[in-house]
Protein backbone atom coordinates (compact mmCIF):
# COMPACT_ATOMS: atom_id res chain seq x y z
CA MET A 1 93.73 121.29 92.06
CA ASP A 2 93.80 120.42 88.38
CA CYS A 3 97.12 120.60 86.54
CA LYS A 4 97.13 122.24 83.13
CA PHE A 5 99.72 122.40 80.40
CA LYS A 6 99.64 123.65 76.85
CA THR A 7 100.46 121.77 73.68
CA GLU A 8 100.43 122.91 70.07
CA LEU A 9 96.88 121.52 69.80
CA GLY A 10 95.46 123.14 72.93
CA THR A 11 95.34 122.93 76.71
CA VAL A 12 95.38 119.63 78.59
CA THR A 13 93.89 119.41 82.08
CA VAL A 14 94.80 116.51 84.37
CA ASN A 15 92.73 115.95 87.50
CA GLU A 16 94.58 115.72 90.83
CA GLU A 17 93.06 112.27 91.50
CA ILE A 18 94.81 110.93 88.40
CA LEU A 19 98.18 112.21 89.63
CA LEU A 20 97.56 110.70 93.08
CA LYS A 21 96.73 107.30 91.63
CA VAL A 22 99.64 107.28 89.18
CA ALA A 23 102.10 108.18 91.97
CA GLY A 24 100.58 105.59 94.33
CA TYR A 25 100.66 102.74 91.83
CA CYS A 26 104.21 103.61 90.76
CA ALA A 27 105.40 103.58 94.36
CA LEU A 28 103.77 100.21 95.04
CA GLU A 29 105.55 98.69 92.02
CA CYS A 30 108.92 99.35 93.63
CA TYR A 31 110.69 96.56 95.49
CA GLY A 32 110.64 96.83 99.28
CA ILE A 33 107.36 98.73 99.61
CA VAL A 34 104.68 97.11 101.78
CA GLY A 35 102.13 99.86 101.15
CA MET A 36 101.19 103.48 101.40
CA ALA A 37 100.67 105.09 104.80
CA SER A 38 98.07 107.49 106.06
CA LYS A 39 98.29 109.22 109.42
CA ARG A 40 95.10 109.81 111.31
CA THR A 41 95.20 113.44 112.30
CA THR A 42 93.60 112.89 115.70
CA ASP A 43 96.11 110.44 117.20
CA GLY A 44 99.00 110.17 114.73
CA ILE A 45 98.53 106.43 114.16
CA VAL A 46 99.88 105.16 110.86
CA GLN A 47 97.44 103.06 108.81
CA LEU A 48 98.32 100.78 105.92
CA MET A 49 96.26 101.79 102.90
CA GLY A 50 94.94 99.28 100.39
CA ARG A 51 94.91 99.77 96.64
CA ALA A 52 91.52 101.49 96.84
CA ASN A 53 92.94 104.31 99.00
CA LEU A 54 96.29 104.99 97.35
CA GLY A 55 95.70 108.72 97.25
CA ARG A 56 95.80 108.97 101.02
CA GLY A 57 99.51 108.19 101.07
CA VAL A 58 100.31 110.78 98.40
CA ARG A 59 100.22 114.56 98.44
CA ILE A 60 100.54 116.70 95.30
CA ARG A 61 101.58 120.35 95.48
CA ALA A 62 101.63 122.64 92.47
CA ALA A 63 104.79 124.66 91.86
CA ASP A 64 105.32 127.27 89.11
CA ASP A 65 105.39 125.03 86.05
CA SER A 66 105.64 121.64 87.75
CA VAL A 67 104.28 119.59 90.64
CA ASP A 68 105.95 118.34 93.81
CA VAL A 69 105.00 114.90 95.09
CA ASP A 70 105.10 113.79 98.73
CA LEU A 71 104.88 110.03 99.37
CA PHE A 72 104.23 108.44 102.75
CA ILE A 73 105.29 104.81 102.63
CA ILE A 74 105.71 101.67 104.71
CA VAL A 75 108.80 99.62 103.89
CA GLU A 76 109.68 95.98 104.37
CA TYR A 77 112.04 95.11 107.22
CA GLY A 78 115.60 94.32 106.13
CA ILE A 79 115.56 96.43 102.97
CA SER A 80 117.87 99.41 102.46
CA ILE A 81 115.66 102.46 102.97
CA SER A 82 117.94 104.72 100.92
CA ALA A 83 117.92 102.32 97.97
CA VAL A 84 114.11 102.02 98.13
CA ALA A 85 113.73 105.81 98.33
CA ASP A 86 116.05 106.36 95.33
CA THR A 87 114.11 103.82 93.28
CA ILE A 88 110.76 105.36 94.21
CA ILE A 89 111.92 108.88 93.39
CA ASP A 90 113.21 107.89 89.95
CA THR A 91 110.20 105.72 89.11
CA VAL A 92 107.50 108.15 90.24
CA LYS A 93 109.13 111.12 88.54
CA TYR A 94 109.59 109.25 85.25
CA LYS A 95 106.11 107.70 85.18
CA ILE A 96 104.23 110.91 86.03
CA GLU A 97 106.14 112.86 83.41
CA HIS A 98 105.78 110.08 80.83
CA LEU A 99 102.10 109.25 81.42
CA THR A 100 100.67 112.73 82.04
CA GLY A 101 103.13 115.15 80.45
CA ILE A 102 103.37 117.21 83.65
CA LYS A 103 106.85 118.09 84.89
CA VAL A 104 107.80 116.88 88.38
CA GLY A 105 110.00 119.18 90.44
CA LYS A 106 110.57 117.16 93.60
CA VAL A 107 109.58 113.77 94.94
CA ASN A 108 109.78 113.63 98.74
CA VAL A 109 109.65 110.21 100.40
CA SER A 110 108.66 109.89 104.04
CA VAL A 111 109.04 106.45 105.62
CA GLU A 112 106.25 106.17 108.18
CA ASP A 113 106.67 102.58 109.35
CA ILE A 114 108.58 99.31 108.87
CA ARG A 115 106.72 95.99 108.62
CA VAL A 116 107.97 92.43 108.85
């Protein structure tokens, strides 16, 4: 799913992989995040994704004139989950809108695991 938006000079198309990587890197920059999570569909086991597989912990859904972002994260033990989630939501929304020009409707954060 490519995201398109119009400017006064023409139409800009942003590949979904770019949005996945931007959202993944932005989430990892936030304090308290150990990594992105990916659930194996067969057994529901949560796997910690490295930097090469950031897109597996992110899902992008196109809305009318914006995108919705779902993040699946693993947090560090002892950190306030609500504070981490608020920081991630603000950071991911700002960076996607600033770097790509695409409006973000919602950022949903799903905490899949806690690591020491």
